[in-house]
Amino acid sequence: IPSGGSTNYADSVKGRFTISRDNAKNTVYLQMNGL
């Protein structure tokens, strides 16, 4: 998840994982569903 850019994913996780970030907390997250 680049700053000011589009997110991108490996083909194997597309539709299941979501990357996000909280700039105020300097934190990046990875929500993993359907593991």
All heavy atoms as atom14 arrays in JSON, in Angstrom:
{
  "sequence": "IPSGGSTNYADSVKGRFTISRDNAKNTVYLQMNGL",
  "atom14_mask": [
    [1, 1, 1, 1, 1, 1, 1, 1, 0, 0, 0, 0, 0, 0],
    [1, 1, 1, 1, 1, 1, 1, 0, 0, 0, 0, 0, 0, 0],
    [1, 1, 1, 1, 1, 1, 0, 0, 0, 0, 0, 0, 0, 0],
    [1, 1, 1, 1, 0, 0, 0, 0, 0, 0, 0, 0, 0, 0],
    [1, 1, 1, 1, 0, 0, 0, 0, 0, 0, 0, 0, 0, 0],
    [1, 1, 1, 1, 1, 1, 0, 0, 0, 0, 0, 0, 0, 0],
    [1, 1, 1, 1, 1, 1, 1, 0, 0, 0, 0, 0, 0, 0],
    [1, 1, 1, 1, 1, 1, 1, 1, 0, 0, 0, 0, 0, 0],
    [1, 1, 1, 1, 1, 1, 1, 1, 1, 1, 1, 1, 0, 0],
    [1, 1, 1, 1, 1, 0, 0, 0, 0, 0, 0, 0, 0, 0],
    [1, 1, 1, 1, 1, 1, 1, 1, 0, 0, 0, 0, 0, 0],
    [1, 1, 1, 1, 1, 1, 0, 0, 0, 0, 0, 0, 0, 0],
    [1, 1, 1, 1, 1, 1, 1, 0, 0, 0, 0, 0, 0, 0],
    [1, 1, 1, 1, 1, 1, 1, 1, 1, 0, 0, 0, 0, 0],
    [1, 1, 1, 1, 0, 0, 0, 0, 0, 0, 0, 0, 0, 0],
    [1, 1, 1, 1, 1, 1, 1, 1, 1, 1, 1, 0, 0, 0],
    [1, 1, 1, 1, 1, 1, 1, 1, 1, 1, 1, 0, 0, 0],
    [1, 1, 1, 1, 1, 1, 1, 0, 0, 0, 0, 0, 0, 0],
    [1, 1, 1, 1, 1, 1, 1, 1, 0, 0, 0, 0, 0, 0],
    [1, 1, 1, 1, 1, 1, 0, 0, 0, 0, 0, 0, 0, 0],
    [1, 1, 1, 1, 1, 1, 1, 1, 1, 1, 1, 0, 0, 0],
    [1, 1, 1, 1, 1, 1, 1, 1, 0, 0, 0, 0, 0, 0],
    [1, 1, 1, 1, 1, 1, 1, 1, 0, 0, 0, 0, 0, 0],
    [1, 1, 1, 1, 1, 0, 0, 0, 0, 0, 0, 0, 0, 0],
    [1, 1, 1, 1, 1, 1, 1, 1, 1, 0, 0, 0, 0, 0],
    [1, 1, 1, 1, 1, 1, 1, 1, 0, 0, 0, 0, 0, 0],
    [1, 1, 1, 1, 1, 1, 1, 0, 0, 0, 0, 0, 0, 0],
    [1, 1, 1, 1, 1, 1, 1, 0, 0, 0, 0, 0, 0, 0],
    [1, 1, 1, 1, 1, 1, 1, 1, 1, 1, 1, 1, 0, 0],
    [1, 1, 1, 1, 1, 1, 1, 1, 0, 0, 0, 0, 0, 0],
    [1, 1, 1, 1, 1, 1, 1, 1, 1, 0, 0, 0, 0, 0],
    [1, 1, 1, 1, 1, 1, 1, 1, 0, 0, 0, 0, 0, 0],
    [1, 1, 1, 1, 1, 1, 1, 1, 0, 0, 0, 0, 0, 0],
    [1, 1, 1, 1, 0, 0, 0, 0, 0, 0, 0, 0, 0, 0],
    [1, 1, 1, 1, 1, 1, 1, 1, 0, 0, 0, 0, 0, 0]
  ],
  "atom14_positions": [
    [[0.85, -1.18, 0.0], [0.0, 0.0, 0.0], [0.89, 1.24, 0.0], [1.24, 1.78, 1.04], [-0.99, -0.02, 1.18], [-1.91, 1.21, 1.13], [-0.27, -0.14, 2.52], [-3.1, 1.1, 2.09], [0.0, 0.0, 0.0], [0.0, 0.0, 0.0], [0.0, 0.0, 0.0], [0.0, 0.0, 0.0], [0.0, 0.0, 0.0], [0.0, 0.0, 0.0]],
    [[1.28, 1.69, -1.17], [2.11, 2.88, -1.25], [1.32, 4.14, -0.9], [0.1, 4.18, -1.05], [2.55, 2.91, -2.71], [1.66, 1.97, -3.44], [0.96, 1.1, -2.48], [0.0, 0.0, 0.0], [0.0, 0.0, 0.0], [0.0, 0.0, 0.0], [0.0, 0.0, 0.0], [0.0, 0.0, 0.0], [0.0, 0.0, 0.0], [0.0, 0.0, 0.0]],
    [[2.02, 5.14, -0.43], [1.37, 6.41, -0.14], [0.91, 7.03, -1.44], [1.7, 7.2, -2.37], [2.31, 7.35, 0.61], [3.48, 7.61, -0.16], [0.0, 0.0, 0.0], [0.0, 0.0, 0.0], [0.0, 0.0, 0.0], [0.0, 0.0, 0.0], [0.0, 0.0, 0.0], [0.0, 0.0, 0.0], [0.0, 0.0, 0.0], [0.0, 0.0, 0.0]],
    [[-0.36, 7.36, -1.51], [-0.91, 7.98, -2.7], [-1.07, 7.07, -3.89], [-1.34, 7.53, -5.0], [0.0, 0.0, 0.0], [0.0, 0.0, 0.0], [0.0, 0.0, 0.0], [0.0, 0.0, 0.0], [0.0, 0.0, 0.0], [0.0, 0.0, 0.0], [0.0, 0.0, 0.0], [0.0, 0.0, 0.0], [0.0, 0.0, 0.0], [0.0, 0.0, 0.0]],
    [[-0.9, 5.76, -3.68], [-1.02, 4.81, -4.77], [-2.06, 3.74, -4.51], [-2.65, 3.67, -3.43], [0.0, 0.0, 0.0], [0.0, 0.0, 0.0], [0.0, 0.0, 0.0], [0.0, 0.0, 0.0], [0.0, 0.0, 0.0], [0.0, 0.0, 0.0], [0.0, 0.0, 0.0], [0.0, 0.0, 0.0], [0.0, 0.0, 0.0], [0.0, 0.0, 0.0]],
    [[-2.27, 2.91, -5.48], [-3.24, 1.83, -5.38], [-2.63, 0.63, -4.66], [-1.44, 0.34, -4.8], [-3.72, 1.41, -6.76], [-4.34, 2.48, -7.45], [0.0, 0.0, 0.0], [0.0, 0.0, 0.0], [0.0, 0.0, 0.0], [0.0, 0.0, 0.0], [0.0, 0.0, 0.0], [0.0, 0.0, 0.0], [0.0, 0.0, 0.0], [0.0, 0.0, 0.0]],
    [[-3.46, -0.06, -3.9], [-3.02, -1.29, -3.26], [-2.84, -2.37, -4.3], [-3.45, -2.35, -5.37], [-4.02, -1.76, -2.21], [-5.3, -1.95, -2.83], [-4.18, -0.72, -1.1], [0.0, 0.0, 0.0], [0.0, 0.0, 0.0], [0.0, 0.0, 0.0], [0.0, 0.0, 0.0], [0.0, 0.0, 0.0], [0.0, 0.0, 0.0], [0.0, 0.0, 0.0]],
    [[-1.99, -3.33, -4.0], [-1.82, -4.46, -4.88], [-1.59, -5.71, -4.06], [-1.09, -5.65, -2.93], [-0.68, -4.23, -5.89], [0.66, -4.02, -5.24], [1.41, -4.97, -5.03], [0.98, -2.78, -4.9], [0.0, 0.0, 0.0], [0.0, 0.0, 0.0], [0.0, 0.0, 0.0], [0.0, 0.0, 0.0], [0.0, 0.0, 0.0], [0.0, 0.0, 0.0]],
    [[-1.96, -6.86, -4.64], [-1.96, -8.11, -3.92], [-1.4, -9.23, -4.78], [-1.5, -9.2, -6.01], [-3.38, -8.51, -3.5], [-4.07, -7.51, -2.62], [-4.81, -6.47, -3.16], [-3.99, -7.62, -1.24], [-5.45, -5.55, -2.35], [-4.63, -6.7, -0.42], [-5.35, -5.66, -0.98], [-5.98, -4.76, -0.16], [0.0, 0.0, 0.0], [0.0, 0.0, 0.0]],
    [[-0.83, -10.21, -4.1], [-0.47, -11.43, -4.78], [-1.74, -12.13, -5.26], [-2.78, -12.05, -4.61], [0.31, -12.36, -3.86], [0.0, 0.0, 0.0], [0.0, 0.0, 0.0], [0.0, 0.0, 0.0], [0.0, 0.0, 0.0], [0.0, 0.0, 0.0], [0.0, 0.0, 0.0], [0.0, 0.0, 0.0], [0.0, 0.0, 0.0], [0.0, 0.0, 0.0]],
    [[-1.64, -12.81, -6.39], [-2.82, -13.48, -6.94], [-3.43, -14.47, -5.95], [-4.65, -14.64, -5.9], [-2.45, -14.21, -8.23], [-2.18, -13.27, -9.38], [-2.62, -12.11, -9.32], [-1.54, -13.71, -10.36], [0.0, 0.0, 0.0], [0.0, 0.0, 0.0], [0.0, 0.0, 0.0], [0.0, 0.0, 0.0], [0.0, 0.0, 0.0], [0.0, 0.0, 0.0]],
    [[-2.61, -15.08, -5.14], [-3.07, -16.11, -4.23], [-3.94, -15.57, -3.09], [-4.65, -16.35, -2.44], [-1.88, -16.87, -3.63], [-1.02, -16.0, -2.94], [0.0, 0.0, 0.0], [0.0, 0.0, 0.0], [0.0, 0.0, 0.0], [0.0, 0.0, 0.0], [0.0, 0.0, 0.0], [0.0, 0.0, 0.0], [0.0, 0.0, 0.0], [0.0, 0.0, 0.0]],
    [[-3.9, -14.26, -2.85], [-4.67, -13.69, -1.74], [-5.72, -12.7, -2.19], [-6.48, -12.18, -1.36], [-3.75, -13.02, -0.7], [-2.66, -13.98, -0.24], [-3.13, -11.74, -1.26], [0.0, 0.0, 0.0], [0.0, 0.0, 0.0], [0.0, 0.0, 0.0], [0.0, 0.0, 0.0], [0.0, 0.0, 0.0], [0.0, 0.0, 0.0], [0.0, 0.0, 0.0]],
    [[-5.8, -12.42, -3.48], [-6.78, -11.47, -3.98], [-8.2, -11.91, -3.63], [-8.56, -13.07, -3.78], [-6.65, -11.32, -5.5], [-5.44, -10.53, -5.93], [-5.39, -10.39, -7.45], [-4.19, -9.57, -7.89], [-4.1, -9.48, -9.37], [0.0, 0.0, 0.0], [0.0, 0.0, 0.0], [0.0, 0.0, 0.0], [0.0, 0.0, 0.0], [0.0, 0.0, 0.0]],
    [[-8.98, -10.96, -3.14], [-10.34, -11.25, -2.75], [-10.49, -11.75, -1.34], [-11.61, -11.84, -0.83], [0.0, 0.0, 0.0], [0.0, 0.0, 0.0], [0.0, 0.0, 0.0], [0.0, 0.0, 0.0], [0.0, 0.0, 0.0], [0.0, 0.0, 0.0], [0.0, 0.0, 0.0], [0.0, 0.0, 0.0], [0.0, 0.0, 0.0], [0.0, 0.0, 0.0]],
    [[-9.38, -12.08, -0.7], [-9.42, -12.6, 0.67], [-8.72, -11.68, 1.67], [-9.15, -11.56, 2.81], [-8.79, -13.99, 0.74], [-9.49, -15.03, -0.12], [-8.94, -16.42, 0.16], [-7.53, -16.54, -0.21], [-6.55, -16.87, 0.63], [-6.84, -17.12, 1.9], [-5.31, -16.96, 0.21], [0.0, 0.0, 0.0], [0.0, 0.0, 0.0], [0.0, 0.0, 0.0]],
    [[-7.62, -11.07, 1.25], [-6.83, -10.22, 2.13], [-7.04, -8.75, 1.78], [-7.23, -8.41, 0.6], [-5.34, -10.53, 2.0], [-4.92, -11.87, 2.55], [-5.85, -12.82, 2.95], [-3.58, -12.17, 2.67], [-5.45, -14.05, 3.44], [-3.16, -13.39, 3.17], [-4.1, -14.34, 3.55], [0.0, 0.0, 0.0], [0.0, 0.0, 0.0], [0.0, 0.0, 0.0]],
    [[-6.97, -7.9, 2.78], [-7.06, -6.46, 2.58], [-5.98, -5.76, 3.38], [-5.88, -5.95, 4.59], [-8.44, -5.92, 3.0], [-9.47, -6.59, 2.27], [-8.53, -4.42, 2.73], [0.0, 0.0, 0.0], [0.0, 0.0, 0.0], [0.0, 0.0, 0.0], [0.0, 0.0, 0.0], [0.0, 0.0, 0.0], [0.0, 0.0, 0.0], [0.0, 0.0, 0.0]],
    [[-5.19, -4.95, 2.7], [-4.17, -4.17, 3.38], [-4.68, -2.75, 3.59], [-5.37, -2.2, 2.73], [-2.85, -4.18, 2.58], [-1.72, -3.52, 3.39], [-3.01, -3.5, 1.22], [-0.35, -3.69, 2.76], [0.0, 0.0, 0.0], [0.0, 0.0, 0.0], [0.0, 0.0, 0.0], [0.0, 0.0, 0.0], [0.0, 0.0, 0.0], [0.0, 0.0, 0.0]],
    [[-4.36, -2.18, 4.73], [-4.76, -0.81, 5.04], [-3.7, -0.18, 5.94], [-2.82, -0.87, 6.45], [-6.14, -0.77, 5.71], [-6.13, -1.48, 6.93], [0.0, 0.0, 0.0], [0.0, 0.0, 0.0], [0.0, 0.0, 0.0], [0.0, 0.0, 0.0], [0.0, 0.0, 0.0], [0.0, 0.0, 0.0], [0.0, 0.0, 0.0], [0.0, 0.0, 0.0]],
    [[-3.81, 1.12, 6.13], [-2.84, 1.8, 6.98], [-3.5, 2.93, 7.75], [-4.48, 3.53, 7.29], [-1.66, 2.33, 6.14], [-2.06, 3.33, 5.07], [-0.92, 3.57, 4.08], [0.16, 4.35, 4.67], [1.31, 4.63, 4.04], [1.53, 4.15, 2.82], [2.24, 5.36, 4.65], [0.0, 0.0, 0.0], [0.0, 0.0, 0.0], [0.0, 0.0, 0.0]],
    [[-2.96, 3.2, 8.91], [-3.38, 4.31, 9.75], [-2.15, 5.2, 9.92], [-1.27, 4.9, 10.72], [-3.89, 3.81, 11.1], [-4.46, 4.92, 11.96], [-4.08, 6.09, 11.77], [-5.29, 4.62, 12.83], [0.0, 0.0, 0.0], [0.0, 0.0, 0.0], [0.0, 0.0, 0.0], [0.0, 0.0, 0.0], [0.0, 0.0, 0.0], [0.0, 0.0, 0.0]],
    [[-2.11, 6.26, 9.16], [-0.93, 7.11, 9.16], [-0.7, 7.81, 10.51], [0.44, 8.06, 10.89], [-1.04, 8.16, 8.05], [-0.96, 7.54, 6.67], [-0.25, 6.55, 6.46], [-1.67, 8.12, 5.71], [0.0, 0.0, 0.0], [0.0, 0.0, 0.0], [0.0, 0.0, 0.0], [0.0, 0.0, 0.0], [0.0, 0.0, 0.0], [0.0, 0.0, 0.0]],
    [[-1.78, 8.11, 11.21], [-1.65, 8.76, 12.52], [-0.96, 7.85, 13.53], [-0.32, 8.33, 14.47], [-3.02, 9.18, 13.04], [0.0, 0.0, 0.0], [0.0, 0.0, 0.0], [0.0, 0.0, 0.0], [0.0, 0.0, 0.0], [0.0, 0.0, 0.0], [0.0, 0.0, 0.0], [0.0, 0.0, 0.0], [0.0, 0.0, 0.0], [0.0, 0.0, 0.0]],
    [[-1.09, 6.55, 13.34], [-0.49, 5.58, 14.25], [0.75, 4.9, 13.67], [1.33, 4.03, 14.31], [-1.51, 4.5, 14.62], [-2.72, 5.03, 15.36], [-3.69, 3.9, 15.69], [-4.89, 4.41, 16.44], [-5.85, 3.32, 16.76], [0.0, 0.0, 0.0], [0.0, 0.0, 0.0], [0.0, 0.0, 0.0], [0.0, 0.0, 0.0], [0.0, 0.0, 0.0]],
    [[1.14, 5.3, 12.46], [2.27, 4.68, 11.78], [2.13, 3.16, 11.74], [3.08, 2.41, 11.99], [3.59, 5.06, 12.45], [3.99, 6.49, 12.18], [3.54, 7.12, 11.22], [4.85, 7.03, 13.04], [0.0, 0.0, 0.0], [0.0, 0.0, 0.0], [0.0, 0.0, 0.0], [0.0, 0.0, 0.0], [0.0, 0.0, 0.0], [0.0, 0.0, 0.0]],
    [[0.93, 2.72, 11.41], [0.61, 1.3, 11.47], [0.02, 0.82, 10.15], [-0.79, 1.51, 9.54], [-0.38, 1.02, 12.61], [0.22, 1.41, 13.85], [-0.73, -0.46, 12.67], [0.0, 0.0, 0.0], [0.0, 0.0, 0.0], [0.0, 0.0, 0.0], [0.0, 0.0, 0.0], [0.0, 0.0, 0.0], [0.0, 0.0, 0.0], [0.0, 0.0, 0.0]],
    [[0.42, -0.37, 9.75], [-0.15, -1.04, 8.6], [-0.83, -2.32, 9.07], [-0.35, -2.99, 9.99], [0.92, -1.35, 7.53], [2.01, -2.27, 8.07], [0.28, -1.93, 6.28], [0.0, 0.0, 0.0], [0.0, 0.0, 0.0], [0.0, 0.0, 0.0], [0.0, 0.0, 0.0], [0.0, 0.0, 0.0], [0.0, 0.0, 0.0], [0.0, 0.0, 0.0]],
    [[-1.96, -2.64, 8.45], [-2.74, -3.8, 8.83], [-2.9, -4.74, 7.64], [-2.83, -4.33, 6.49], [-4.14, -3.39, 9.3], [-4.16, -2.39, 10.42], [-4.26, -1.02, 10.15], [-4.07, -2.79, 11.74], [-4.27, -0.1, 11.17], [-4.09, -1.87, 12.77], [-4.19, -0.53, 12.48], [-4.22, 0.39, 13.51], [0.0, 0.0, 0.0], [0.0, 0.0, 0.0]],
    [[-3.13, -5.99, 7.96], [-3.48, -6.97, 6.95], [-4.65, -7.78, 7.47], [-4.48, -8.61, 8.38], [-2.3, -7.88, 6.61], [-2.54, -8.87, 5.47], [-2.69, -8.12, 4.15], [-1.41, -9.89, 5.38], [0.0, 0.0, 0.0], [0.0, 0.0, 0.0], [0.0, 0.0, 0.0], [0.0, 0.0, 0.0], [0.0, 0.0, 0.0], [0.0, 0.0, 0.0]],
    [[-5.83, -7.52, 6.93], [-7.01, -8.3, 7.28], [-7.04, -9.54, 6.39], [-7.08, -9.42, 5.17], [-8.28, -7.48, 7.07], [-9.57, -8.22, 7.38], [-9.71, -8.57, 8.83], [-9.45, -7.73, 9.7], [-10.11, -9.8, 9.12], [0.0, 0.0, 0.0], [0.0, 0.0, 0.0], [0.0, 0.0, 0.0], [0.0, 0.0, 0.0], [0.0, 0.0, 0.0]],
    [[-7.01, -10.7, 7.01], [-6.95, -11.96, 6.28], [-8.23, -12.74, 6.55], [-8.46, -13.2, 7.67], [-5.73, -12.76, 6.7], [-4.41, -12.01, 6.53], [-2.98, -13.04, 6.93], [-3.24, -13.29, 8.69], [0.0, 0.0, 0.0], [0.0, 0.0, 0.0], [0.0, 0.0, 0.0], [0.0, 0.0, 0.0], [0.0, 0.0, 0.0], [0.0, 0.0, 0.0]],
    [[-9.05, -12.87, 5.53], [-10.29, -13.62, 5.62], [-10.19, -14.89, 4.79], [-9.38, -14.99, 3.86], [-11.46, -12.78, 5.14], [-11.69, -11.54, 5.96], [-11.45, -11.53, 7.16], [-12.16, -10.48, 5.31], [0.0, 0.0, 0.0], [0.0, 0.0, 0.0], [0.0, 0.0, 0.0], [0.0, 0.0, 0.0], [0.0, 0.0, 0.0], [0.0, 0.0, 0.0]],
    [[-11.03, -15.85, 5.12], [-11.04, -17.09, 4.36], [-9.68, -17.76, 4.31], [-9.25, -18.21, 3.25], [0.0, 0.0, 0.0], [0.0, 0.0, 0.0], [0.0, 0.0, 0.0], [0.0, 0.0, 0.0], [0.0, 0.0, 0.0], [0.0, 0.0, 0.0], [0.0, 0.0, 0.0], [0.0, 0.0, 0.0], [0.0, 0.0, 0.0], [0.0, 0.0, 0.0]],
    [[-9.03, -17.83, 5.45], [-7.68, -18.38, 5.49], [-7.64, -19.84, 5.06], [-8.55, -20.62, 5.35], [-7.09, -18.23, 6.88], [-6.61, -16.82, 7.22], [-6.44, -16.65, 8.72], [-5.31, -16.52, 6.49], [0.0, 0.0, 0.0], [0.0, 0.0, 0.0], [0.0, 0.0, 0.0], [0.0, 0.0, 0.0], [0.0, 0.0, 0.0], [0.0, 0.0, 0.0]]
  ]
}
